[in-house]
Every structure is written in structure tokens, then in C-alpha cells.
């Protein structure tokens, strides 16, 4: 699937959009995605797959199942639409840094796995603080760019 905008291969900026560095580190979309996608999954796993919170806390497989399900849904959203519901709320899209096209399913899933790793280590969390372009580790590993569409600023 292609974005309908001009994009020069090898460029780090997509014409007609503002990169996430202009958002000054705001990541409120994470909270939106957690409540819209992950919380219903956790509810289903807690009360349908296992029989309550006590079994969920005792199980190592149930949280893994919920996280993998979230990763699959996240990857489907990124590969088909270029955004999750949380990113859509803030007019953000994830695109290939070189071509400007949406990324594929497996690349989106790799991005999710690297995101999980990043969330567990101080070094990986601090990568954007030391980079001029403010790219996170998962963007660097997967060659992605998070963009904000300028046209939608004018509408608001």
C-alpha cells in the first residue's frame, strides 16, 4: 500500500509532513493503544482463557499470550493502515524511512519485538535522547520513520 505523497528515496524527511521530532517526545498514543487494544485482550485472557486474576497471576503463559496477540494486532494495523488507533488519533503514521511506503507485517512485528526490548532496558529507552533525529531503537533497527501529516494541522 502506498502513501499518496511525493517521497525521495534515501531522504529522512517526507515532503508534506512533519516528523515526530516536532512533537517534542509526546507519546500519548501509547496510552490510547493500551486501552483500546491491550486492555480488552487482557480482559478476555483473564476471564475467558483463564478463570480469573489469581490464575492470571500464577500463569506465565497467559500474559505471553496476551502480549503476542497485541503484537499481532499491532502489526496488522501498521502493515495495512500505517497506523494504530492511537497513532490515528494523533495523525501519526509509520512509514519506511527510505521509500515512504507502509511497512510489511513481519517488519511491523519485528518493530513490536524491539519495542518490547526497548521498554525493558534503560539504554534502549534513552536512545532518542542522544539522537538529533530523536529516532527510537525500534525505528533504527527496522528502518522506519514516524510522520505527522501537516494537512491535518490546518484543519484543526
N, C-alpha and C. Protein backbone atom coordinates (compact mmCIF):
# COMPACT_ATOMS: atom_id res chain seq x y z
N UNK A 1 0.84 -1.18 0.00
CA UNK A 1 0.00 0.00 0.00
C UNK A 1 0.89 1.24 0.00
N UNK A 2 0.57 2.24 -0.79
CA UNK A 2 1.39 3.43 -0.93
C UNK A 2 0.71 4.63 -0.29
N UNK A 3 1.52 5.49 0.28
CA UNK A 3 1.02 6.77 0.75
C UNK A 3 0.90 7.68 -0.46
N UNK A 4 -0.07 8.53 -0.48
CA UNK A 4 -0.25 9.43 -1.61
C UNK A 4 0.47 10.74 -1.34
N UNK A 5 1.80 10.66 -1.46
CA UNK A 5 2.62 11.85 -1.30
C UNK A 5 3.94 11.60 -2.02
N UNK A 6 4.62 12.66 -2.37
CA UNK A 6 5.91 12.52 -3.02
C UNK A 6 6.96 12.19 -1.96
N UNK A 7 7.90 11.35 -2.33
CA UNK A 7 8.94 10.95 -1.39
C UNK A 7 10.20 10.63 -2.16
N UNK A 8 11.30 11.22 -1.78
CA UNK A 8 12.58 10.97 -2.43
C UNK A 8 13.29 9.83 -1.71
N UNK A 9 13.63 8.74 -2.40
CA UNK A 9 14.35 7.64 -1.77
C UNK A 9 15.64 8.11 -1.10
N UNK A 10 15.89 7.59 0.09
CA UNK A 10 17.09 7.95 0.84
C UNK A 10 16.90 9.18 1.71
N UNK A 11 15.79 9.87 1.55
CA UNK A 11 15.52 11.06 2.34
C UNK A 11 15.08 10.66 3.74
N UNK A 12 15.36 11.51 4.71
CA UNK A 12 14.89 11.24 6.07
C UNK A 12 13.63 12.05 6.38
N UNK A 13 13.26 12.93 5.48
CA UNK A 13 12.06 13.74 5.67
C UNK A 13 11.06 13.44 4.56
N UNK A 14 9.81 13.34 4.90
CA UNK A 14 8.77 13.12 3.92
C UNK A 14 8.14 14.48 3.61
N UNK A 15 8.13 14.91 2.33
CA UNK A 15 7.52 16.20 1.99
C UNK A 15 6.04 16.22 2.38
N UNK A 16 5.60 17.35 2.90
CA UNK A 16 4.20 17.50 3.26
C UNK A 16 3.87 16.98 4.65
N UNK A 17 4.87 16.52 5.37
CA UNK A 17 4.62 16.05 6.74
C UNK A 17 5.70 16.56 7.66
N UNK A 18 5.41 16.52 8.93
CA UNK A 18 6.37 16.92 9.95
C UNK A 18 6.77 15.65 10.68
N UNK A 19 8.06 15.45 10.92
CA UNK A 19 8.48 14.24 11.63
C UNK A 19 8.10 14.34 13.09
N UNK A 20 8.20 13.22 13.78
CA UNK A 20 7.79 13.20 15.17
C UNK A 20 8.69 14.04 16.07
N UNK A 21 9.84 14.47 15.58
CA UNK A 21 10.70 15.30 16.42
C UNK A 21 10.00 16.61 16.77
N UNK A 22 9.07 17.04 15.94
CA UNK A 22 8.33 18.27 16.24
C UNK A 22 7.31 18.05 17.34
N UNK A 23 7.03 16.79 17.65
CA UNK A 23 6.07 16.52 18.73
C UNK A 23 6.74 16.61 20.09
N UNK A 24 8.06 16.84 20.11
CA UNK A 24 8.83 17.03 21.33
C UNK A 24 8.67 15.87 22.32
N UNK A 25 8.76 14.67 21.80
CA UNK A 25 8.76 13.50 22.67
C UNK A 25 7.38 13.08 23.16
N UNK A 26 6.31 13.73 22.72
CA UNK A 26 4.97 13.34 23.17
C UNK A 26 4.64 11.97 22.61
N UNK A 27 4.21 11.07 23.46
CA UNK A 27 3.80 9.74 23.01
C UNK A 27 2.49 9.34 23.69
N UNK A 28 1.48 10.21 23.65
CA UNK A 28 0.21 9.86 24.28
C UNK A 28 -0.53 8.75 23.55
N UNK A 29 -0.16 8.46 22.30
CA UNK A 29 -0.80 7.40 21.53
C UNK A 29 -0.58 6.04 22.17
N UNK A 30 0.50 5.88 22.93
CA UNK A 30 0.76 4.59 23.60
C UNK A 30 -0.37 4.28 24.57
N UNK A 31 -0.80 5.28 25.31
CA UNK A 31 -1.88 5.08 26.28
C UNK A 31 -3.18 4.72 25.57
N UNK A 32 -3.47 5.42 24.46
CA UNK A 32 -4.67 5.13 23.69
C UNK A 32 -4.66 3.70 23.18
N UNK A 33 -3.53 3.26 22.61
CA UNK A 33 -3.43 1.88 22.12
C UNK A 33 -3.57 0.86 23.24
N UNK A 34 -2.99 1.15 24.39
CA UNK A 34 -3.08 0.21 25.51
C UNK A 34 -4.55 0.01 25.93
N UNK A 35 -5.29 1.10 26.01
CA UNK A 35 -6.68 0.98 26.45
C UNK A 35 -7.60 0.45 25.35
N UNK A 36 -7.34 0.78 24.10
CA UNK A 36 -8.22 0.34 23.02
C UNK A 36 -7.94 -1.08 22.55
N UNK A 37 -6.69 -1.52 22.64
CA UNK A 37 -6.33 -2.83 22.12
C UNK A 37 -5.94 -3.80 23.23
N UNK A 38 -4.97 -3.41 24.05
CA UNK A 38 -4.41 -4.36 25.02
C UNK A 38 -5.36 -4.67 26.18
N UNK A 39 -6.08 -3.70 26.68
CA UNK A 39 -6.98 -3.94 27.82
C UNK A 39 -8.09 -4.94 27.49
N UNK A 40 -8.76 -4.84 26.33
CA UNK A 40 -9.75 -5.87 26.00
C UNK A 40 -9.13 -7.26 25.87
N UNK A 41 -7.91 -7.32 25.32
CA UNK A 41 -7.23 -8.62 25.22
C UNK A 41 -6.96 -9.18 26.60
N UNK A 42 -6.47 -8.34 27.51
CA UNK A 42 -6.20 -8.80 28.88
C UNK A 42 -7.48 -9.23 29.58
N UNK A 43 -8.57 -8.53 29.34
CA UNK A 43 -9.86 -8.91 29.94
C UNK A 43 -10.26 -10.30 29.45
N UNK A 44 -10.17 -10.53 28.15
CA UNK A 44 -10.54 -11.83 27.57
C UNK A 44 -9.63 -12.93 28.11
N UNK A 45 -8.33 -12.66 28.16
CA UNK A 45 -7.40 -13.67 28.68
C UNK A 45 -7.67 -13.95 30.15
N UNK A 46 -7.93 -12.91 30.93
CA UNK A 46 -8.14 -13.07 32.37
C UNK A 46 -9.41 -13.83 32.69
N UNK A 47 -10.51 -13.50 32.03
CA UNK A 47 -11.80 -14.07 32.45
C UNK A 47 -12.35 -15.15 31.53
N UNK A 48 -11.78 -15.33 30.34
CA UNK A 48 -12.27 -16.38 29.44
C UNK A 48 -11.22 -17.48 29.28
N UNK A 49 -9.98 -17.11 28.99
CA UNK A 49 -8.93 -18.10 28.79
C UNK A 49 -8.54 -18.76 30.11
N UNK A 50 -8.23 -17.94 31.10
CA UNK A 50 -8.00 -18.45 32.46
C UNK A 50 -9.18 -17.98 33.29
N UNK A 51 -9.36 -18.53 34.47
CA UNK A 51 -10.60 -18.25 35.19
C UNK A 51 -10.52 -17.15 36.24
N UNK A 52 -9.70 -16.17 36.04
CA UNK A 52 -9.67 -15.04 36.95
C UNK A 52 -8.27 -14.51 37.19
N UNK A 53 -8.21 -13.47 38.02
CA UNK A 53 -6.93 -12.79 38.24
C UNK A 53 -5.91 -13.65 38.96
N UNK A 54 -6.36 -14.51 39.84
CA UNK A 54 -5.42 -15.37 40.56
C UNK A 54 -4.70 -16.33 39.62
N UNK A 55 -5.45 -16.92 38.68
CA UNK A 55 -4.82 -17.81 37.70
C UNK A 55 -3.94 -17.03 36.73
N UNK A 56 -4.36 -15.82 36.39
CA UNK A 56 -3.54 -14.98 35.51
C UNK A 56 -2.20 -14.67 36.17
N UNK A 57 -2.24 -14.34 37.47
CA UNK A 57 -1.01 -14.03 38.18
C UNK A 57 -0.11 -15.25 38.36
N UNK A 58 -0.71 -16.41 38.44
CA UNK A 58 0.06 -17.65 38.62
C UNK A 58 0.60 -18.17 37.29
N UNK A 59 0.01 -17.77 36.20
CA UNK A 59 0.40 -18.27 34.88
C UNK A 59 1.49 -17.42 34.25
N UNK A 60 2.42 -18.07 33.58
CA UNK A 60 3.41 -17.35 32.78
C UNK A 60 3.00 -17.33 31.31
N UNK A 61 2.15 -18.25 30.94
CA UNK A 61 1.73 -18.36 29.55
C UNK A 61 0.63 -17.34 29.19
N UNK A 62 -0.28 -17.06 30.11
CA UNK A 62 -1.40 -16.16 29.82
C UNK A 62 -0.95 -14.74 29.46
N UNK A 63 -0.05 -14.10 30.23
CA UNK A 63 0.42 -12.76 29.83
C UNK A 63 1.18 -12.79 28.50
N UNK A 64 1.92 -13.88 28.27
CA UNK A 64 2.64 -14.02 27.00
C UNK A 64 1.65 -14.11 25.84
N UNK A 65 0.59 -14.86 26.02
CA UNK A 65 -0.47 -14.99 25.01
C UNK A 65 -1.09 -13.62 24.71
N UNK A 66 -1.38 -12.86 25.76
CA UNK A 66 -1.97 -11.53 25.59
C UNK A 66 -1.02 -10.59 24.85
N UNK A 67 0.26 -10.63 25.21
CA UNK A 67 1.25 -9.77 24.58
C UNK A 67 1.45 -10.14 23.11
N UNK A 68 1.51 -11.42 22.81
CA UNK A 68 1.66 -11.85 21.42
C UNK A 68 0.43 -11.48 20.59
N UNK A 69 -0.75 -11.60 21.18
CA UNK A 69 -1.98 -11.20 20.49
C UNK A 69 -1.96 -9.70 20.19
N UNK A 70 -1.54 -8.92 21.17
CA UNK A 70 -1.41 -7.47 20.96
C UNK A 70 -0.40 -7.18 19.86
N UNK A 71 0.72 -7.89 19.86
CA UNK A 71 1.74 -7.70 18.83
C UNK A 71 1.22 -8.02 17.45
N UNK A 72 0.44 -9.07 17.33
CA UNK A 72 -0.14 -9.44 16.04
C UNK A 72 -1.11 -8.36 15.55
N UNK A 73 -1.97 -7.89 16.44
CA UNK A 73 -2.94 -6.85 16.07
C UNK A 73 -2.20 -5.55 15.71
N UNK A 74 -1.21 -5.19 16.50
CA UNK A 74 -0.39 -4.01 16.23
C UNK A 74 0.26 -4.11 14.85
N UNK A 75 0.81 -5.28 14.53
CA UNK A 75 1.48 -5.49 13.26
C UNK A 75 0.51 -5.42 12.08
N UNK A 76 -0.68 -5.95 12.27
CA UNK A 76 -1.70 -5.87 11.21
C UNK A 76 -2.08 -4.42 10.95
N UNK A 77 -2.30 -3.65 12.01
CA UNK A 77 -2.64 -2.23 11.84
C UNK A 77 -1.52 -1.49 11.10
N UNK A 78 -0.27 -1.69 11.52
CA UNK A 78 0.83 -0.96 10.87
C UNK A 78 1.03 -1.37 9.43
N UNK A 79 0.90 -2.67 9.14
CA UNK A 79 1.14 -3.12 7.76
C UNK A 79 0.00 -2.76 6.81
N UNK A 80 -1.22 -2.72 7.30
CA UNK A 80 -2.37 -2.41 6.43
C UNK A 80 -2.68 -0.92 6.34
N UNK A 81 -2.61 -0.22 7.49
CA UNK A 81 -3.03 1.18 7.53
C UNK A 81 -1.90 2.16 7.81
N UNK A 82 -0.75 1.64 8.25
CA UNK A 82 0.36 2.51 8.59
C UNK A 82 0.22 3.17 9.95
N UNK A 83 -0.81 2.81 10.69
CA UNK A 83 -1.05 3.41 12.00
C UNK A 83 -1.94 2.53 12.85
N UNK A 84 -1.79 2.67 14.15
CA UNK A 84 -2.68 2.02 15.11
C UNK A 84 -3.77 3.03 15.46
N UNK A 85 -4.82 2.64 16.19
CA UNK A 85 -5.84 3.62 16.56
C UNK A 85 -5.27 4.81 17.35
N UNK A 86 -4.30 4.54 18.21
CA UNK A 86 -3.68 5.63 18.97
C UNK A 86 -2.91 6.59 18.09
N UNK A 87 -2.18 6.07 17.13
CA UNK A 87 -1.46 6.92 16.19
C UNK A 87 -2.43 7.69 15.30
N UNK A 88 -3.54 7.06 14.94
CA UNK A 88 -4.55 7.73 14.12
C UNK A 88 -5.14 8.93 14.87
N UNK A 89 -5.34 8.78 16.17
CA UNK A 89 -5.89 9.87 16.97
C UNK A 89 -4.98 11.10 16.95
N UNK A 90 -3.69 10.88 16.75
CA UNK A 90 -2.72 11.98 16.72
C UNK A 90 -2.14 12.21 15.33
N UNK A 91 -2.80 11.66 14.31
CA UNK A 91 -2.43 11.85 12.91
C UNK A 91 -0.99 11.42 12.61
N UNK A 92 -0.55 10.34 13.23
CA UNK A 92 0.79 9.81 13.02
C UNK A 92 0.72 8.58 12.13
N UNK A 93 1.75 8.37 11.34
CA UNK A 93 1.86 7.16 10.52
C UNK A 93 3.29 6.64 10.61
N UNK A 94 3.43 5.33 10.48
CA UNK A 94 4.75 4.69 10.44
C UNK A 94 5.01 4.29 9.00
N UNK A 95 6.11 4.79 8.45
CA UNK A 95 6.46 4.50 7.07
C UNK A 95 7.91 4.04 6.98
N UNK A 96 8.25 3.44 5.85
CA UNK A 96 9.63 3.07 5.57
C UNK A 96 10.44 4.36 5.43
N UNK A 97 11.58 4.44 6.09
CA UNK A 97 12.38 5.67 6.07
C UNK A 97 12.97 5.98 4.70
N UNK A 98 13.13 4.98 3.85
CA UNK A 98 13.73 5.21 2.53
C UNK A 98 12.71 5.44 1.43
N UNK A 99 11.59 4.73 1.49
CA UNK A 99 10.62 4.81 0.38
C UNK A 99 9.36 5.58 0.73
N UNK A 100 9.02 5.70 2.00
CA UNK A 100 7.79 6.38 2.40
C UNK A 100 6.57 5.49 2.32
N UNK A 101 6.74 4.21 2.00
CA UNK A 101 5.63 3.27 1.91
C UNK A 101 5.38 2.63 3.28
N UNK A 102 4.19 2.04 3.42
CA UNK A 102 3.89 1.32 4.65
C UNK A 102 4.83 0.13 4.77
N UNK A 103 5.11 -0.27 6.00
CA UNK A 103 5.99 -1.41 6.21
C UNK A 103 5.18 -2.70 6.18
N UNK A 104 5.83 -3.81 5.93
CA UNK A 104 5.16 -5.10 5.88
C UNK A 104 4.87 -5.67 7.26
N UNK A 105 4.10 -6.75 7.29
CA UNK A 105 3.69 -7.37 8.54
C UNK A 105 4.88 -7.83 9.38
N UNK A 106 5.82 -8.54 8.78
CA UNK A 106 6.94 -9.09 9.55
C UNK A 106 7.86 -7.98 10.08
N UNK A 107 8.01 -6.94 9.31
CA UNK A 107 8.79 -5.79 9.78
C UNK A 107 8.08 -5.07 10.91
N UNK A 108 6.76 -4.98 10.82
CA UNK A 108 5.98 -4.36 11.89
C UNK A 108 6.06 -5.21 13.17
N UNK A 109 6.04 -6.53 13.00
CA UNK A 109 6.15 -7.41 14.17
C UNK A 109 7.54 -7.30 14.79
N UNK A 110 8.58 -7.22 13.96
CA UNK A 110 9.94 -7.02 14.47
C UNK A 110 10.03 -5.70 15.22
N UNK A 111 9.37 -4.67 14.70
CA UNK A 111 9.35 -3.36 15.37
C UNK A 111 8.71 -3.49 16.75
N UNK A 112 7.65 -4.28 16.85
CA UNK A 112 6.99 -4.51 18.14
C UNK A 112 7.92 -5.25 19.11
N UNK A 113 8.61 -6.27 18.63
CA UNK A 113 9.52 -7.04 19.48
C UNK A 113 10.66 -6.15 19.98
N UNK A 114 11.21 -5.33 19.11
CA UNK A 114 12.28 -4.41 19.52
C UNK A 114 11.72 -3.37 20.49
N UNK A 115 10.48 -2.95 20.29
CA UNK A 115 9.83 -2.03 21.23
C UNK A 115 9.74 -2.67 22.62
N UNK A 116 9.36 -3.94 22.68
CA UNK A 116 9.31 -4.63 23.98
C UNK A 116 10.68 -4.66 24.64
N UNK A 117 11.70 -4.98 23.86
CA UNK A 117 13.07 -4.97 24.38
C UNK A 117 13.44 -3.57 24.87
N UNK A 118 13.10 -2.55 24.08
CA UNK A 118 13.42 -1.17 24.44
C UNK A 118 12.76 -0.76 25.75
N UNK A 119 11.57 -1.24 25.97
CA UNK A 119 10.84 -0.87 27.17
C UNK A 119 11.43 -1.49 28.43
N UNK A 120 12.30 -2.49 28.27
CA UNK A 120 12.86 -3.17 29.43
C UNK A 120 14.29 -2.76 29.77
N UNK A 121 14.91 -1.92 28.95
CA UNK A 121 16.30 -1.53 29.22
C UNK A 121 16.44 -0.02 29.23
N UNK A 122 17.21 0.47 30.16
CA UNK A 122 17.44 1.92 30.27
C UNK A 122 18.19 2.43 29.03
N UNK A 123 19.18 1.66 28.57
CA UNK A 123 19.94 2.08 27.39
C UNK A 123 19.03 2.30 26.20
N UNK A 124 18.18 1.30 25.91
CA UNK A 124 17.32 1.39 24.73
C UNK A 124 16.29 2.51 24.87
N UNK A 125 15.82 2.76 26.08
CA UNK A 125 14.87 3.86 26.29
C UNK A 125 15.52 5.22 26.07
N UNK A 126 16.82 5.31 26.34
CA UNK A 126 17.49 6.60 26.26
C UNK A 126 18.05 6.91 24.86
N UNK A 127 17.95 5.99 23.92
CA UNK A 127 18.48 6.23 22.57
C UNK A 127 17.95 7.52 21.95
N UNK A 128 16.63 7.80 21.99
CA UNK A 128 16.15 9.05 21.36
C UNK A 128 16.70 10.32 22.01
N UNK A 129 17.10 10.23 23.27
CA UNK A 129 17.63 11.42 23.95
C UNK A 129 18.98 11.87 23.38
N UNK A 130 19.72 10.92 22.82
CA UNK A 130 21.06 11.22 22.32
C UNK A 130 21.14 11.35 20.80
N UNK A 131 20.01 11.24 20.14
CA UNK A 131 19.99 11.35 18.67
C UNK A 131 19.36 12.67 18.26
N UNK A 132 19.93 13.28 17.26
CA UNK A 132 19.40 14.55 16.76
C UNK A 132 18.01 14.37 16.15
N UNK A 133 17.81 13.24 15.44
CA UNK A 133 16.51 12.99 14.80
C UNK A 133 15.48 12.37 15.74
N UNK A 134 15.87 12.08 16.97
CA UNK A 134 15.01 11.54 18.03
C UNK A 134 14.39 10.18 17.70
N UNK A 135 15.03 9.42 16.82
CA UNK A 135 14.52 8.09 16.47
C UNK A 135 14.78 7.12 17.62
N UNK A 136 13.80 6.29 17.90
CA UNK A 136 13.92 5.26 18.92
C UNK A 136 14.66 4.06 18.35
N UNK A 137 15.09 3.16 19.21
CA UNK A 137 15.85 1.98 18.79
C UNK A 137 15.06 1.15 17.77
N UNK A 138 13.75 0.99 17.99
CA UNK A 138 12.95 0.18 17.07
C UNK A 138 12.83 0.83 15.70
N UNK A 139 12.87 2.15 15.62
CA UNK A 139 12.87 2.82 14.32
C UNK A 139 14.20 2.62 13.60
N UNK A 140 15.29 2.64 14.35
CA UNK A 140 16.61 2.44 13.77
C UNK A 140 16.78 1.01 13.25
N UNK A 141 16.38 0.03 14.05
CA UNK A 141 16.52 -1.37 13.67
C UNK A 141 15.67 -1.70 12.45
N UNK A 142 14.47 -1.18 12.41
CA UNK A 142 13.53 -1.52 11.33
C UNK A 142 13.54 -0.55 10.16
N UNK A 143 14.29 0.52 10.27
CA UNK A 143 14.36 1.49 9.17
C UNK A 143 13.04 2.19 8.94
N UNK A 144 12.37 2.57 10.01
CA UNK A 144 11.06 3.23 9.90
C UNK A 144 11.15 4.68 10.34
N UNK A 145 10.12 5.41 10.00
CA UNK A 145 10.02 6.82 10.34
C UNK A 145 8.57 7.08 10.74
N UNK A 146 8.38 7.74 11.86
CA UNK A 146 7.03 8.13 12.29
C UNK A 146 6.81 9.55 11.81
N UNK A 147 5.73 9.75 11.05
CA UNK A 147 5.47 11.06 10.46
C UNK A 147 4.12 11.60 10.92
N UNK A 148 4.01 12.92 10.91
CA UNK A 148 2.80 13.64 11.30
C UNK A 148 2.35 14.42 10.09
N UNK A 149 1.10 14.25 9.70
CA UNK A 149 0.62 14.88 8.48
C UNK A 149 0.26 16.33 8.69
N UNK A 150 0.93 17.20 7.92
CA UNK A 150 0.76 18.64 8.04
C UNK A 150 -0.64 19.12 7.63
N UNK A 151 -1.22 18.43 6.63
CA UNK A 151 -2.53 18.87 6.14
C UNK A 151 -3.58 18.84 7.24
N UNK A 152 -3.41 17.96 8.18
CA UNK A 152 -4.42 17.82 9.21
C UNK A 152 -4.24 18.83 10.32
N UNK A 153 -3.10 19.51 10.37
CA UNK A 153 -2.91 20.60 11.33
C UNK A 153 -3.78 21.76 10.90
N UNK A 154 -3.81 22.04 9.59
CA UNK A 154 -4.56 23.18 9.07
C UNK A 154 -6.06 23.03 9.32
N UNK A 155 -6.56 21.79 9.37
CA UNK A 155 -7.99 21.56 9.58
C UNK A 155 -8.41 21.84 11.02
N UNK A 156 -7.46 21.75 11.95
CA UNK A 156 -7.81 21.89 13.37
C UNK A 156 -7.71 23.30 13.85
